[in-house]
């Protein structure tokens, strides 16, 4: 699947709703708010699925 900046995503195993913020070294960079601050992490594209509450995202 191809993601673009501003897409909402989550990992295949569940977790927070994240926003795609960029791409680097073959990884998808994501950010999310965990209730205390903004977190960021990079994931392989095959670890992610389109997000949104209707698709199982957990709210922080």
Protein backbone atom coordinates (compact mmCIF):
# COMPACT_ATOMS: atom_id res chain seq x y z
CA UNK A 1 0.00 0.00 0.00
CA UNK A 2 1.22 3.50 -0.74
CA UNK A 3 0.76 6.18 1.89
CA UNK A 4 1.04 9.95 1.49
CA UNK A 5 1.81 12.67 4.02
CA UNK A 6 -1.23 13.41 6.25
CA UNK A 7 -2.73 9.90 5.90
CA UNK A 8 -4.01 8.40 9.15
CA UNK A 9 -2.50 4.97 9.82
CA UNK A 10 -2.10 2.38 12.54
CA UNK A 11 0.04 -0.73 12.83
CA UNK A 12 -1.39 -4.08 11.77
CA UNK A 13 -1.32 -5.14 15.43
CA UNK A 14 -3.33 -2.14 16.64
CA UNK A 15 -2.20 0.88 18.56
CA UNK A 16 -2.65 4.61 18.36
CA UNK A 17 -3.91 6.50 15.33
CA UNK A 18 -0.88 8.10 13.72
CA UNK A 19 -0.34 10.64 10.97
CA UNK A 20 2.21 10.06 8.21
CA UNK A 21 4.66 12.97 8.30
CA UNK A 22 7.30 11.88 5.81
CA UNK A 23 9.47 9.19 4.28
CA UNK A 24 13.16 8.43 4.81
CA UNK A 25 15.42 5.50 3.99
CA UNK A 26 12.50 3.36 2.87
CA UNK A 27 10.60 3.96 6.11
CA UNK A 28 7.32 5.76 6.79
CA UNK A 29 7.69 8.44 9.46
CA UNK A 30 4.66 8.82 11.75
CA UNK A 31 3.65 11.05 14.65
CA UNK A 32 0.91 10.81 17.23
CA UNK A 33 -0.13 12.37 20.52
CA UNK A 34 -0.02 9.98 23.48
CA UNK A 35 -1.81 12.20 25.99
CA UNK A 36 1.45 13.71 27.27
CA UNK A 37 3.30 14.82 24.16
CA UNK A 38 3.91 14.18 20.50
CA UNK A 39 5.65 10.89 19.75
CA UNK A 40 7.34 9.89 16.52
CA UNK A 41 8.61 6.68 15.03
CA UNK A 42 9.44 5.22 11.64
CA UNK A 43 7.82 2.01 10.38
CA UNK A 44 8.21 -0.22 7.36
CA UNK A 45 5.31 0.35 4.99
CA UNK A 46 4.19 -3.29 5.29
CA UNK A 47 3.68 -2.82 9.07
CA UNK A 48 0.98 -0.16 8.54
CA UNK A 49 -2.66 -0.13 7.51
CA UNK A 50 -4.98 2.81 6.85
CA UNK A 51 -6.17 4.20 10.18
CA UNK A 52 -9.13 5.98 11.66
CA UNK A 53 -11.42 4.97 14.51
CA UNK A 54 -13.56 2.96 12.12
CA UNK A 55 -10.50 0.81 11.40
CA UNK A 56 -9.57 -0.04 14.98
CA UNK A 57 -7.33 2.84 16.02
CA UNK A 58 -7.11 3.41 19.74
CA UNK A 59 -7.63 6.96 20.96
CA UNK A 60 -4.93 8.36 23.25
